[in-house]
Amino acid sequence: MWITFERSGGIMGRKMSLALDLTNLPEDEAQSLRLLLDEMNFFALQDDLPTSPVPDGFHYAITVRTETVTHTIHTTDMSASPSLRALIQDLSTRARTQRKPI
């Protein structure tokens, strides 16, 4: 399973991205991400990006790809469900820790 995460917007307008191959993670971390995806039924989520932009808000694109299916959703801080926010928080933390200092 592969997860691609992109965050854009915010006050500074900085983009952040992450590409994860769960087979390259420790098993407990990969299992934790799979559990988050299963609990929210990620592949059944509809794209819920609001039609009007939120000033200085973050916008997220999350794509999950398996051997048989690929699904992408777009959301914001304001429109994300609590379970989706948990996934966003996890992926944001991973994206921040992989970035190299300037």
C-alpha atoms as a PDB file:
ATOM      1  CA  MET A   1       0.000   0.000   0.000  1.00  0.00           C
ATOM      2  CA  TRP A   2       1.228   3.473  -0.882  1.00  0.00           C
ATOM      3  CA  ILE A   3       0.089   6.812   0.534  1.00  0.00           C
ATOM      4  CA  THR A   4       0.731  10.167  -1.093  1.00  0.00           C
ATOM      5  CA  PHE A   5       0.035  13.253   1.009  1.00  0.00           C
ATOM      6  CA  GLU A   6       0.136  16.902  -0.019  1.00  0.00           C
ATOM      7  CA  ARG A   7      -0.601  19.967   2.062  1.00  0.00           C
ATOM      8  CA  SER A   8      -0.872  23.456   0.561  1.00  0.00           C
ATOM      9  CA  GLY A   9      -2.129  26.856   1.619  1.00  0.00           C
ATOM     10  CA  GLY A  10      -1.779  28.357   5.055  1.00  0.00           C
ATOM     11  CA  ILE A  11      -0.455  31.784   5.972  1.00  0.00           C
ATOM     12  CA  MET A  12       3.009  31.121   4.527  1.00  0.00           C
ATOM     13  CA  GLY A  13       1.727  29.220   1.500  1.00  0.00           C
ATOM     14  CA  ARG A  14       4.355  26.518   1.882  1.00  0.00           C
ATOM     15  CA  LYS A  15       3.658  23.151   0.335  1.00  0.00           C
ATOM     16  CA  MET A  16       4.485  19.925   2.082  1.00  0.00           C
ATOM     17  CA  SER A  17       4.374  16.461   0.595  1.00  0.00           C
ATOM     18  CA  LEU A  18       5.070  12.890   1.521  1.00  0.00           C
ATOM     19  CA  ALA A  19       5.153   9.600  -0.363  1.00  0.00           C
ATOM     20  CA  LEU A  20       5.014   6.467   1.775  1.00  0.00           C
ATOM     21  CA  ASP A  21       5.405   2.850   0.793  1.00  0.00           C
ATOM     22  CA  LEU A  22       4.034   1.041   3.826  1.00  0.00           C
ATOM     23  CA  THR A  23       6.262  -1.967   3.100  1.00  0.00           C
ATOM     24  CA  ASN A  24       9.254   0.246   3.992  1.00  0.00           C
ATOM     25  CA  LEU A  25       7.880   1.175   7.434  1.00  0.00           C
ATOM     26  CA  PRO A  26       8.257  -0.784  10.651  1.00  0.00           C
ATOM     27  CA  GLU A  27       5.324  -3.188  10.909  1.00  0.00           C
ATOM     28  CA  ASP A  28       3.732  -1.425  13.898  1.00  0.00           C
ATOM     29  CA  GLU A  29       3.736   1.941  12.062  1.00  0.00           C
ATOM     30  CA  ALA A  30       2.346   0.417   8.879  1.00  0.00           C
ATOM     31  CA  GLN A  31      -0.352  -1.371  10.875  1.00  0.00           C
ATOM     32  CA  SER A  32      -1.283   1.865  12.656  1.00  0.00           C
ATOM     33  CA  LEU A  33      -1.787   3.640   9.311  1.00  0.00           C
ATOM     34  CA  ARG A  34      -3.793   0.720   7.903  1.00  0.00           C
ATOM     35  CA  LEU A  35      -6.002   0.786  10.990  1.00  0.00           C
ATOM     36  CA  LEU A  36      -6.651   4.536  10.601  1.00  0.00           C
ATOM     37  CA  LEU A  37      -7.612   4.000   6.955  1.00  0.00           C
ATOM     38  CA  ASP A  38      -9.858   1.036   7.791  1.00  0.00           C
ATOM     39  CA  GLU A  39     -11.610   2.798  10.677  1.00  0.00           C
ATOM     40  CA  MET A  40     -12.613   5.744   8.467  1.00  0.00           C
ATOM     41  CA  ASN A  41     -13.411   3.470   5.502  1.00  0.00           C
ATOM     42  CA  PHE A  42     -11.083   5.611   3.391  1.00  0.00           C
ATOM     43  CA  PHE A  43     -11.929   4.015   0.056  1.00  0.00           C
ATOM     44  CA  ALA A  44     -15.613   4.913   0.533  1.00  0.00           C
ATOM     45  CA  LEU A  45     -14.939   8.585   1.357  1.00  0.00           C
ATOM     46  CA  GLN A  46     -16.103  11.137  -1.158  1.00  0.00           C
ATOM     47  CA  ASP A  47     -13.957  14.040  -2.212  1.00  0.00           C
ATOM     48  CA  ASP A  48     -15.130  16.694   0.239  1.00  0.00           C
ATOM     49  CA  LEU A  49     -13.156  19.827  -0.604  1.00  0.00           C
ATOM     50  CA  PRO A  50     -15.476  22.794  -0.100  1.00  0.00           C
ATOM     51  CA  THR A  51     -16.236  24.902  -3.136  1.00  0.00           C
ATOM     52  CA  SER A  52     -15.200  28.153  -1.454  1.00  0.00           C
ATOM     53  CA  PRO A  53     -11.589  28.471  -0.281  1.00  0.00           C
ATOM     54  CA  VAL A  54     -10.807  29.201   3.361  1.00  0.00           C
ATOM     55  CA  PRO A  55      -8.402  32.161   3.676  1.00  0.00           C
ATOM     56  CA  ASP A  56      -5.050  31.008   5.064  1.00  0.00           C
ATOM     57  CA  GLY A  57      -6.428  27.501   5.613  1.00  0.00           C
ATOM     58  CA  PHE A  58      -4.662  24.294   4.732  1.00  0.00           C
ATOM     59  CA  HIS A  59      -5.821  22.118   1.851  1.00  0.00           C
ATOM     60  CA  TYR A  60      -4.936  18.434   1.744  1.00  0.00           C
ATOM     61  CA  ALA A  61      -4.825  15.813  -0.974  1.00  0.00           C
ATOM     62  CA  ILE A  62      -4.446  12.207   0.147  1.00  0.00           C
ATOM     63  CA  THR A  63      -4.106   9.323  -2.275  1.00  0.00           C
ATOM     64  CA  VAL A  64      -4.016   5.712  -1.154  1.00  0.00           C
ATOM     65  CA  ARG A  65      -3.024   3.085  -3.670  1.00  0.00           C
ATOM     66  CA  THR A  66      -3.166  -0.666  -3.299  1.00  0.00           C
ATOM     67  CA  GLU A  67      -2.508  -3.395  -5.836  1.00  0.00           C
ATOM     68  CA  THR A  68      -6.125  -3.172  -6.996  1.00  0.00           C
ATOM     69  CA  VAL A  69      -7.487   0.312  -6.249  1.00  0.00           C
ATOM     70  CA  THR A  70      -6.428   3.958  -6.053  1.00  0.00           C
ATOM     71  CA  HIS A  71      -8.504   6.559  -4.243  1.00  0.00           C
ATOM     72  CA  THR A  72      -7.867  10.283  -3.729  1.00  0.00           C
ATOM     73  CA  ILE A  73      -9.661  12.711  -1.463  1.00  0.00           C
ATOM     74  CA  HIS A  74      -9.268  16.461  -1.022  1.00  0.00           C
ATOM     75  CA  THR A  75     -10.168  18.198   2.212  1.00  0.00           C
ATOM     76  CA  THR A  76      -9.402  21.152   4.466  1.00  0.00           C
ATOM     77  CA  ASP A  77      -8.993  21.589   8.205  1.00  0.00           C
ATOM     78  CA  MET A  78     -12.574  22.832   8.324  1.00  0.00           C
ATOM     79  CA  SER A  79     -14.163  19.973   6.366  1.00  0.00           C
ATOM     80  CA  ALA A  80     -12.155  16.969   7.610  1.00  0.00           C
ATOM     81  CA  SER A  81     -13.883  14.504   9.914  1.00  0.00           C
ATOM     82  CA  PRO A  82     -12.196  13.680  13.256  1.00  0.00           C
ATOM     83  CA  SER A  83     -10.895  10.357  11.913  1.00  0.00           C
ATOM     84  CA  LEU A  84      -9.541  12.057   8.791  1.00  0.00           C
ATOM     85  CA  ARG A  85      -7.878  14.692  10.995  1.00  0.00           C
ATOM     86  CA  ALA A  86      -6.054  11.902  12.841  1.00  0.00           C
ATOM     87  CA  LEU A  87      -4.654  10.635   9.536  1.00  0.00           C
ATOM     88  CA  ILE A  88      -3.732  14.184   8.454  1.00  0.00           C
ATOM     89  CA  GLN A  89      -1.913  14.744  11.754  1.00  0.00           C
ATOM     90  CA  ASP A  90       0.061  11.510  11.385  1.00  0.00           C
ATOM     91  CA  LEU A  91       1.022  12.223   7.779  1.00  0.00           C
ATOM     92  CA  SER A  92       1.867  15.877   8.537  1.00  0.00           C
ATOM     93  CA  THR A  93       4.209  14.798  11.324  1.00  0.00           C
ATOM     94  CA  ARG A  94       5.910  12.305   9.024  1.00  0.00           C
ATOM     95  CA  ALA A  95       6.257  14.926   6.274  1.00  0.00           C
ATOM     96  CA  ARG A  96       7.808  17.447   8.684  1.00  0.00           C
ATOM     97  CA  THR A  97      10.323  14.944  10.037  1.00  0.00           C
ATOM     98  CA  GLN A  98      11.476  13.880   6.574  1.00  0.00           C
ATOM     99  CA  ARG A  99      12.189  17.459   5.444  1.00  0.00           C
ATOM    100  CA  LYS A 100      15.788  18.516   5.504  1.00  0.00           C
ATOM    101  CA  PRO A 101      16.672  21.744   7.320  1.00  0.00           C
ATOM    102  CA  ILE A 102      17.568  24.670   5.082  1.00  0.00           C
END
